[in-house]
Amino acid sequence: MAIKILAFDIDGTLAKTEEVIPPHISARLRELEDSKLRIFFISGRTASYLAGLARGIDLSRIDELYEVVLGLEAVCRYDFKLHKYYDAVEVLPKQNSKGKALAVIKQYLDLKTEEVVAIGNTIVDIPMKSEAKEFLFIGDSIKESGIQNFNSIEEAFVYIEKSI
């Protein structure tokens, strides 16, 4: 089954913490999106931060997301709180988990686990692993089944591009 979405953590994965995403990484994200992959950011950051980030790298597919997310079974099951912004929807579970957020995205897009690759760099990103075919870990190595380790996001991009 073909990969349809990429779910990225931001801090430490796409950029150093508290730094902007470097232009060459932004360009790679746009290339991946132009190849018909959908790009999602799953982060502990606020929706306004993520919306600004998406605008800054020219990724913005929000549209009717809010209305659709309200009716999703995963949103009801995990008792999420939703906040609607001009250009983003913030999905906040009472028991925060990036895996639960990715479950909502998958349901919204009617995707199977085999169509998702998740990318992160810390222990809080690992819950995305259960919702993805592959989990790509950037930086320090984690020895766990289902985790591919990469020294840098650039190495992970090469892997992703060979896999699609």
N, C-alpha and C. Protein backbone atom coordinates (compact mmCIF):
# COMPACT_ATOMS: atom_id res chain seq x y z
N MET A 1 0.84 -1.17 0.00
CA MET A 1 0.00 0.00 0.00
C MET A 1 0.89 1.25 0.00
N ALA A 2 0.55 2.23 -0.77
CA ALA A 2 1.37 3.44 -0.92
C ALA A 2 1.25 4.36 0.29
N ILE A 3 2.35 5.02 0.62
CA ILE A 3 2.35 6.03 1.67
C ILE A 3 1.60 7.24 1.16
N LYS A 4 0.68 7.79 1.99
CA LYS A 4 -0.10 8.96 1.58
C LYS A 4 0.16 10.17 2.45
N ILE A 5 0.56 9.96 3.71
CA ILE A 5 0.85 11.10 4.58
C ILE A 5 2.16 10.90 5.32
N LEU A 6 2.76 12.03 5.68
CA LEU A 6 3.93 12.05 6.55
C LEU A 6 3.56 12.91 7.75
N ALA A 7 3.73 12.38 8.96
CA ALA A 7 3.42 13.09 10.20
C ALA A 7 4.72 13.42 10.90
N PHE A 8 5.04 14.70 11.02
CA PHE A 8 6.31 15.15 11.56
C PHE A 8 6.15 15.79 12.94
N ASP A 9 7.05 15.46 13.84
CA ASP A 9 7.34 16.29 15.00
C ASP A 9 8.17 17.45 14.46
N ILE A 10 8.27 18.54 15.21
CA ILE A 10 9.01 19.70 14.70
C ILE A 10 10.33 19.90 15.45
N ASP A 11 10.24 20.24 16.74
CA ASP A 11 11.43 20.58 17.52
C ASP A 11 12.38 19.40 17.64
N GLY A 12 13.59 19.57 17.13
CA GLY A 12 14.59 18.53 17.18
C GLY A 12 14.51 17.55 16.02
N THR A 13 13.41 17.59 15.27
CA THR A 13 13.24 16.70 14.13
C THR A 13 13.46 17.48 12.83
N LEU A 14 12.64 18.48 12.60
CA LEU A 14 12.78 19.32 11.40
C LEU A 14 13.70 20.51 11.64
N ALA A 15 13.79 20.94 12.89
CA ALA A 15 14.63 22.10 13.23
C ALA A 15 15.12 21.94 14.66
N LYS A 16 16.20 22.63 14.97
CA LYS A 16 16.66 22.66 16.35
C LYS A 16 15.60 23.37 17.17
N THR A 17 15.44 22.96 18.42
CA THR A 17 14.46 23.57 19.30
C THR A 17 14.69 25.08 19.36
N GLU A 18 13.59 25.82 19.25
CA GLU A 18 13.58 27.29 19.29
C GLU A 18 14.23 27.93 18.07
N GLU A 19 14.46 27.17 17.01
CA GLU A 19 14.97 27.75 15.77
C GLU A 19 13.96 27.51 14.65
N VAL A 20 14.06 28.31 13.60
CA VAL A 20 13.17 28.14 12.46
C VAL A 20 13.60 26.91 11.65
N ILE A 21 12.66 26.39 10.88
CA ILE A 21 12.99 25.28 9.99
C ILE A 21 13.90 25.83 8.89
N PRO A 22 15.06 25.23 8.69
CA PRO A 22 15.99 25.74 7.66
C PRO A 22 15.34 25.72 6.27
N PRO A 23 15.70 26.68 5.43
CA PRO A 23 15.11 26.77 4.09
C PRO A 23 15.23 25.47 3.28
N HIS A 24 16.34 24.76 3.36
CA HIS A 24 16.48 23.54 2.57
C HIS A 24 15.54 22.43 3.06
N ILE A 25 15.21 22.43 4.35
CA ILE A 25 14.23 21.47 4.88
C ILE A 25 12.83 21.88 4.42
N SER A 26 12.52 23.17 4.48
CA SER A 26 11.22 23.67 3.99
C SER A 26 11.03 23.30 2.52
N ALA A 27 12.08 23.46 1.73
CA ALA A 27 12.00 23.12 0.31
C ALA A 27 11.72 21.64 0.13
N ARG A 28 12.35 20.79 0.92
CA ARG A 28 12.10 19.34 0.83
C ARG A 28 10.66 19.01 1.19
N LEU A 29 10.12 19.68 2.22
CA LEU A 29 8.72 19.45 2.60
C LEU A 29 7.78 19.84 1.47
N ARG A 30 8.04 20.98 0.83
CA ARG A 30 7.20 21.41 -0.30
C ARG A 30 7.29 20.42 -1.45
N GLU A 31 8.50 19.91 -1.73
CA GLU A 31 8.66 18.90 -2.79
C GLU A 31 7.86 17.65 -2.48
N LEU A 32 7.90 17.22 -1.23
CA LEU A 32 7.13 16.03 -0.85
C LEU A 32 5.64 16.29 -0.99
N GLU A 33 5.19 17.47 -0.58
CA GLU A 33 3.77 17.80 -0.72
C GLU A 33 3.38 17.90 -2.19
N ASP A 34 4.26 18.47 -3.01
CA ASP A 34 3.99 18.57 -4.45
C ASP A 34 3.91 17.20 -5.10
N SER A 35 4.54 16.20 -4.49
CA SER A 35 4.49 14.84 -5.03
C SER A 35 3.21 14.12 -4.60
N LYS A 36 2.26 14.87 -4.03
CA LYS A 36 0.94 14.38 -3.63
C LYS A 36 0.92 13.72 -2.26
N LEU A 37 2.04 13.79 -1.51
CA LEU A 37 2.00 13.37 -0.11
C LEU A 37 1.40 14.51 0.69
N ARG A 38 0.65 14.17 1.73
CA ARG A 38 0.12 15.21 2.60
C ARG A 38 1.02 15.29 3.82
N ILE A 39 1.33 16.50 4.23
CA ILE A 39 2.25 16.76 5.32
C ILE A 39 1.45 17.21 6.54
N PHE A 40 1.71 16.58 7.70
CA PHE A 40 1.07 16.98 8.95
C PHE A 40 2.14 17.21 10.00
N PHE A 41 1.89 18.20 10.86
CA PHE A 41 2.77 18.47 11.99
C PHE A 41 2.02 18.06 13.25
N ILE A 42 2.63 17.20 14.03
CA ILE A 42 2.04 16.78 15.31
C ILE A 42 3.04 17.22 16.37
N SER A 43 2.61 18.18 17.17
CA SER A 43 3.55 18.84 18.06
C SER A 43 2.86 19.24 19.35
N GLY A 44 3.66 19.47 20.36
CA GLY A 44 3.15 20.03 21.60
C GLY A 44 2.97 21.54 21.49
N ARG A 45 3.35 22.11 20.37
CA ARG A 45 3.20 23.54 20.14
C ARG A 45 1.74 23.90 19.91
N THR A 46 1.41 25.17 20.09
CA THR A 46 0.04 25.62 19.90
C THR A 46 -0.32 25.68 18.42
N ALA A 47 -1.62 25.68 18.16
CA ALA A 47 -2.09 25.75 16.78
C ALA A 47 -1.64 27.04 16.10
N SER A 48 -1.63 28.15 16.83
CA SER A 48 -1.20 29.41 16.20
C SER A 48 0.26 29.33 15.78
N TYR A 49 1.09 28.69 16.57
CA TYR A 49 2.49 28.49 16.20
C TYR A 49 2.59 27.63 14.94
N LEU A 50 1.85 26.51 14.93
CA LEU A 50 1.90 25.60 13.79
C LEU A 50 1.34 26.24 12.53
N ALA A 51 0.27 27.04 12.68
CA ALA A 51 -0.29 27.72 11.51
C ALA A 51 0.72 28.69 10.92
N GLY A 52 1.41 29.43 11.79
CA GLY A 52 2.45 30.34 11.31
C GLY A 52 3.57 29.59 10.63
N LEU A 53 3.94 28.46 11.19
CA LEU A 53 4.97 27.63 10.59
C LEU A 53 4.53 27.16 9.20
N ALA A 54 3.30 26.67 9.09
CA ALA A 54 2.80 26.18 7.80
C ALA A 54 2.77 27.31 6.77
N ARG A 55 2.34 28.51 7.19
CA ARG A 55 2.35 29.66 6.28
C ARG A 55 3.78 29.99 5.86
N GLY A 56 4.71 29.91 6.81
CA GLY A 56 6.10 30.27 6.54
C GLY A 56 6.77 29.34 5.54
N ILE A 57 6.33 28.09 5.48
CA ILE A 57 6.92 27.17 4.51
C ILE A 57 5.94 26.85 3.39
N ASP A 58 4.85 27.63 3.34
CA ASP A 58 3.90 27.55 2.24
C ASP A 58 3.18 26.20 2.18
N LEU A 59 2.77 25.70 3.33
CA LEU A 59 1.91 24.52 3.41
C LEU A 59 0.65 24.95 4.13
N SER A 60 -0.51 24.89 3.47
CA SER A 60 -1.73 25.31 4.15
C SER A 60 -2.95 24.68 3.50
N ARG A 61 -3.40 23.57 4.06
CA ARG A 61 -4.62 22.90 3.60
C ARG A 61 -5.54 22.72 4.80
N ILE A 62 -6.19 23.78 5.25
CA ILE A 62 -7.03 23.72 6.44
C ILE A 62 -8.50 23.52 6.07
N ASP A 63 -9.04 24.39 5.23
CA ASP A 63 -10.41 24.38 4.73
C ASP A 63 -11.46 23.97 5.76
N GLU A 64 -12.23 22.95 5.45
CA GLU A 64 -13.36 22.56 6.29
C GLU A 64 -12.97 21.57 7.39
N LEU A 65 -11.71 21.53 7.72
CA LEU A 65 -11.20 20.57 8.70
C LEU A 65 -11.96 20.60 10.03
N TYR A 66 -12.24 21.77 10.54
CA TYR A 66 -12.88 21.89 11.84
C TYR A 66 -14.22 21.15 11.90
N GLU A 67 -15.09 21.40 10.91
CA GLU A 67 -16.41 20.77 10.90
C GLU A 67 -16.30 19.25 10.80
N VAL A 68 -15.37 18.79 10.00
CA VAL A 68 -15.18 17.35 9.83
C VAL A 68 -14.64 16.72 11.11
N VAL A 69 -13.65 17.37 11.72
CA VAL A 69 -13.03 16.82 12.93
C VAL A 69 -14.05 16.70 14.06
N LEU A 70 -15.00 17.63 14.15
CA LEU A 70 -16.01 17.57 15.20
C LEU A 70 -16.78 16.24 15.20
N GLY A 71 -17.01 15.66 14.02
CA GLY A 71 -17.81 14.44 13.92
C GLY A 71 -17.00 13.15 13.91
N LEU A 72 -15.71 13.23 14.03
CA LEU A 72 -14.90 12.01 13.94
C LEU A 72 -15.01 11.16 15.20
N GLU A 73 -15.11 9.86 14.98
CA GLU A 73 -15.25 8.90 16.09
C GLU A 73 -14.07 9.00 17.04
N ALA A 74 -12.85 9.15 16.52
CA ALA A 74 -11.67 9.22 17.38
C ALA A 74 -11.71 10.46 18.28
N VAL A 75 -12.27 11.56 17.80
CA VAL A 75 -12.39 12.77 18.61
C VAL A 75 -13.33 12.51 19.78
N CYS A 76 -14.45 11.85 19.52
CA CYS A 76 -15.40 11.52 20.58
C CYS A 76 -14.82 10.48 21.53
N ARG A 77 -14.18 9.46 20.99
CA ARG A 77 -13.64 8.35 21.80
C ARG A 77 -12.59 8.86 22.78
N TYR A 78 -11.72 9.73 22.33
CA TYR A 78 -10.64 10.21 23.20
C TYR A 78 -11.00 11.51 23.92
N ASP A 79 -12.23 12.01 23.72
CA ASP A 79 -12.70 13.21 24.41
C ASP A 79 -11.77 14.40 24.19
N PHE A 80 -11.55 14.74 22.91
CA PHE A 80 -10.68 15.85 22.54
C PHE A 80 -11.36 17.19 22.77
N LYS A 81 -10.55 18.19 22.98
CA LYS A 81 -10.99 19.58 22.94
C LYS A 81 -10.52 20.14 21.61
N LEU A 82 -11.37 20.93 20.95
CA LEU A 82 -11.00 21.54 19.67
C LEU A 82 -11.00 23.06 19.79
N HIS A 83 -10.04 23.67 19.15
CA HIS A 83 -9.99 25.13 19.06
C HIS A 83 -9.81 25.46 17.59
N LYS A 84 -10.70 26.32 17.07
CA LYS A 84 -10.63 26.71 15.67
C LYS A 84 -9.96 28.07 15.56
N TYR A 85 -9.01 28.15 14.65
CA TYR A 85 -8.31 29.39 14.35
C TYR A 85 -8.54 29.70 12.87
N TYR A 86 -8.13 30.88 12.45
CA TYR A 86 -8.31 31.28 11.06
C TYR A 86 -7.70 30.28 10.09
N ASP A 87 -6.55 29.75 10.43
CA ASP A 87 -5.86 28.88 9.49
C ASP A 87 -5.36 27.58 10.13
N ALA A 88 -5.98 27.17 11.23
CA ALA A 88 -5.57 25.93 11.88
C ALA A 88 -6.68 25.41 12.79
N VAL A 89 -6.63 24.13 13.07
CA VAL A 89 -7.49 23.51 14.06
C VAL A 89 -6.58 22.85 15.08
N GLU A 90 -6.76 23.25 16.32
CA GLU A 90 -5.98 22.67 17.41
C GLU A 90 -6.80 21.54 18.02
N VAL A 91 -6.23 20.34 18.09
CA VAL A 91 -6.89 19.17 18.64
C VAL A 91 -6.14 18.80 19.92
N LEU A 92 -6.81 18.93 21.06
CA LEU A 92 -6.16 18.70 22.35
C LEU A 92 -6.87 17.60 23.13
N PRO A 93 -6.30 16.42 23.21
CA PRO A 93 -6.92 15.39 24.04
C PRO A 93 -6.69 15.69 25.52
N LYS A 94 -7.65 15.27 26.35
CA LYS A 94 -7.48 15.46 27.78
C LYS A 94 -6.22 14.75 28.25
N GLN A 95 -5.99 13.59 27.72
CA GLN A 95 -4.75 12.86 27.99
C GLN A 95 -3.89 13.01 26.73
N ASN A 96 -3.08 14.06 26.67
CA ASN A 96 -2.34 14.38 25.45
C ASN A 96 -1.49 13.21 24.95
N SER A 97 -1.57 12.97 23.65
CA SER A 97 -0.77 11.96 22.98
C SER A 97 -0.71 12.29 21.51
N LYS A 98 0.47 12.29 20.96
CA LYS A 98 0.62 12.52 19.53
C LYS A 98 0.04 11.35 18.74
N GLY A 99 0.03 10.16 19.32
CA GLY A 99 -0.60 9.01 18.67
C GLY A 99 -2.10 9.21 18.51
N LYS A 100 -2.74 9.75 19.53
CA LYS A 100 -4.18 10.02 19.45
C LYS A 100 -4.46 11.09 18.39
N ALA A 101 -3.60 12.10 18.32
CA ALA A 101 -3.78 13.14 17.29
C ALA A 101 -3.64 12.55 15.90
N LEU A 102 -2.67 11.66 15.72
CA LEU A 102 -2.49 11.03 14.41
C LEU A 102 -3.68 10.12 14.07
N ALA A 103 -4.29 9.49 15.07
CA ALA A 103 -5.49 8.67 14.84
C ALA A 103 -6.61 9.53 14.25
N VAL A 104 -6.74 10.76 14.73
CA VAL A 104 -7.77 11.68 14.20
C VAL A 104 -7.48 12.01 12.74
N ILE A 105 -6.22 12.31 12.43
CA ILE A 105 -5.85 12.64 11.05
C ILE A 105 -6.15 11.46 10.14
N LYS A 106 -5.78 10.26 10.58
CA LYS A 106 -6.04 9.06 9.76
C LYS A 106 -7.53 8.88 9.51
N GLN A 107 -8.34 9.07 10.54
CA GLN A 107 -9.78 8.90 10.34
C GLN A 107 -10.33 9.97 9.39
N TYR A 108 -9.89 11.20 9.57
CA TYR A 108 -10.34 12.30 8.72
C TYR A 108 -10.05 12.02 7.26
N LEU A 109 -8.89 11.46 6.98
CA LEU A 109 -8.47 11.18 5.61
C LEU A 109 -8.81 9.76 5.16
N ASP A 110 -9.45 8.99 6.04
CA ASP A 110 -9.82 7.60 5.76
C ASP A 110 -8.60 6.80 5.31
N LEU A 111 -7.57 6.85 6.14
CA LEU A 111 -6.31 6.17 5.83
C LEU A 111 -6.11 4.96 6.72
N LYS A 112 -5.39 4.01 6.19
CA LYS A 112 -4.97 2.84 6.94
C LYS A 112 -3.58 3.11 7.50
N THR A 113 -3.24 2.39 8.55
CA THR A 113 -1.93 2.54 9.18
C THR A 113 -0.81 2.37 8.17
N GLU A 114 -0.99 1.46 7.21
CA GLU A 114 0.05 1.19 6.20
C GLU A 114 0.32 2.37 5.28
N GLU A 115 -0.51 3.39 5.33
CA GLU A 115 -0.36 4.55 4.45
C GLU A 115 0.29 5.74 5.16
N VAL A 116 0.79 5.52 6.37
CA VAL A 116 1.31 6.60 7.20
C VAL A 116 2.75 6.31 7.63
N VAL A 117 3.60 7.33 7.56
CA VAL A 117 4.93 7.29 8.15
C VAL A 117 4.99 8.45 9.15
N ALA A 118 5.43 8.16 10.37
CA ALA A 118 5.56 9.19 11.40
C ALA A 118 7.04 9.44 11.66
N ILE A 119 7.37 10.71 11.94
CA ILE A 119 8.76 11.10 12.13
C ILE A 119 8.86 11.92 13.40
N GLY A 120 9.79 11.54 14.29
CA GLY A 120 9.96 12.27 15.54
C GLY A 120 11.36 12.11 16.09
N ASN A 121 11.59 12.72 17.27
CA ASN A 121 12.94 12.66 17.84
C ASN A 121 12.99 12.50 19.35
N THR A 122 11.84 12.38 20.01
CA THR A 122 11.85 12.22 21.47
C THR A 122 10.84 11.16 21.88
N ILE A 123 10.89 10.83 23.14
CA ILE A 123 10.01 9.81 23.70
C ILE A 123 8.53 10.19 23.54
N VAL A 124 8.20 11.48 23.57
CA VAL A 124 6.80 11.89 23.44
C VAL A 124 6.27 11.70 22.01
N ASP A 125 7.17 11.47 21.06
CA ASP A 125 6.75 11.23 19.68
C ASP A 125 6.40 9.75 19.43
N ILE A 126 6.89 8.87 20.28
CA ILE A 126 6.74 7.43 20.06
C ILE A 126 5.28 6.96 20.00
N PRO A 127 4.32 7.57 20.71
CA PRO A 127 2.93 7.12 20.54
C PRO A 127 2.41 7.19 19.09
N MET A 128 3.06 7.99 18.24
CA MET A 128 2.66 8.03 16.82
C MET A 128 2.98 6.70 16.14
N LYS A 129 3.92 5.95 16.68
CA LYS A 129 4.36 4.68 16.08
C LYS A 129 3.20 3.71 15.89
N SER A 130 2.30 3.64 16.86
CA SER A 130 1.19 2.69 16.77
C SER A 130 0.18 3.05 15.68
N GLU A 131 0.24 4.26 15.17
CA GLU A 131 -0.69 4.71 14.13
C GLU A 131 -0.04 4.77 12.76
N ALA A 132 1.21 4.30 12.65
CA ALA A 132 1.95 4.43 11.39
C ALA A 132 2.59 3.10 10.98
N LYS A 133 2.76 2.95 9.67
CA LYS A 133 3.47 1.79 9.14
C LYS A 133 4.90 1.78 9.63
N GLU A 134 5.52 2.96 9.59
CA GLU A 134 6.91 3.09 10.02
C GLU A 134 7.04 4.32 10.89
N PHE A 135 7.96 4.23 11.83
CA PHE A 135 8.31 5.38 12.67
C PHE A 135 9.79 5.66 12.47
N LEU A 136 10.09 6.86 12.00
CA LEU A 136 11.47 7.26 11.75
C LEU A 136 11.93 8.15 12.90
N PHE A 137 12.97 7.73 13.59
CA PHE A 137 13.48 8.44 14.76
C PHE A 137 14.75 9.19 14.37
N ILE A 138 14.76 10.49 14.64
CA ILE A 138 15.86 11.36 14.24
C ILE A 138 16.75 11.63 15.45
N GLY A 139 18.05 11.46 15.28
CA GLY A 139 19.00 11.76 16.36
C GLY A 139 19.42 10.52 17.11
N ASP A 140 19.30 10.56 18.42
CA ASP A 140 19.69 9.42 19.25
C ASP A 140 18.98 8.16 18.79
N SER A 141 19.66 7.03 18.93
CA SER A 141 19.09 5.75 18.52
C SER A 141 18.19 5.17 19.58
N ILE A 142 17.07 4.61 19.14
CA ILE A 142 16.19 3.84 20.02
C ILE A 142 16.11 2.45 19.43
N LYS A 143 16.39 1.49 20.23
CA LYS A 143 16.34 0.10 19.77
C LYS A 143 15.00 -0.48 20.18
N GLU A 144 14.05 -0.42 19.27
CA GLU A 144 12.71 -0.94 19.51
C GLU A 144 12.13 -1.38 18.17
N SER A 145 11.38 -2.44 18.21
CA SER A 145 10.76 -2.95 17.00
C SER A 145 9.91 -1.86 16.33
N GLY A 146 10.03 -1.76 15.01
CA GLY A 146 9.23 -0.80 14.26
C GLY A 146 9.79 0.60 14.20
N ILE A 147 10.99 0.80 14.71
CA ILE A 147 11.60 2.13 14.68
C ILE A 147 12.84 2.09 13.80
N GLN A 148 12.88 3.01 12.82
CA GLN A 148 14.05 3.21 11.97
C GLN A 148 14.80 4.42 12.52
N ASN A 149 16.08 4.29 12.75
CA ASN A 149 16.89 5.39 13.31
C ASN A 149 17.68 6.09 12.21
N PHE A 150 17.70 7.43 12.28
CA PHE A 150 18.45 8.26 11.34
C PHE A 150 19.21 9.32 12.12
N ASN A 151 20.40 9.65 11.65
CA ASN A 151 21.20 10.68 12.31
C ASN A 151 20.65 12.08 12.08
N SER A 152 19.97 12.31 10.94
CA SER A 152 19.48 13.64 10.61
C SER A 152 18.19 13.54 9.82
N ILE A 153 17.46 14.63 9.77
CA ILE A 153 16.22 14.68 8.97
C ILE A 153 16.56 14.52 7.50
N GLU A 154 17.73 15.01 7.08
CA GLU A 154 18.12 14.86 5.68
C GLU A 154 18.24 13.38 5.29
N GLU A 155 18.82 12.55 6.17
CA GLU A 155 18.90 11.11 5.92
C GLU A 155 17.50 10.50 5.84
N ALA A 156 16.62 10.95 6.71
CA ALA A 156 15.24 10.43 6.69
C ALA A 156 14.53 10.82 5.39
N PHE A 157 14.76 12.04 4.89
CA PHE A 157 14.16 12.45 3.62
C PHE A 157 14.61 11.54 2.48
N VAL A 158 15.88 11.19 2.45
CA VAL A 158 16.39 10.30 1.40
C VAL A 158 15.66 8.96 1.49
N TYR A 159 15.52 8.42 2.69
CA TYR A 159 14.80 7.18 2.90
C TYR A 159 13.35 7.27 2.44
N ILE A 160 12.68 8.37 2.83
CA ILE A 160 11.27 8.58 2.44
C ILE A 160 11.15 8.63 0.92
N GLU A 161 12.00 9.40 0.27
CA GLU A 161 11.92 9.56 -1.18
C GLU A 161 12.17 8.24 -1.90
N LYS A 162 13.00 7.37 -1.35
CA LYS A 162 13.23 6.05 -1.96
C LYS A 162 12.04 5.13 -1.72
N SER A 163 11.27 5.41 -0.67
CA SER A 163 10.16 4.53 -0.28
C SER A 163 8.85 4.87 -0.98
N ILE A 164 8.73 6.05 -1.56
CA ILE A 164 7.44 6.45 -2.15
C ILE A 164 7.39 6.18 -3.64
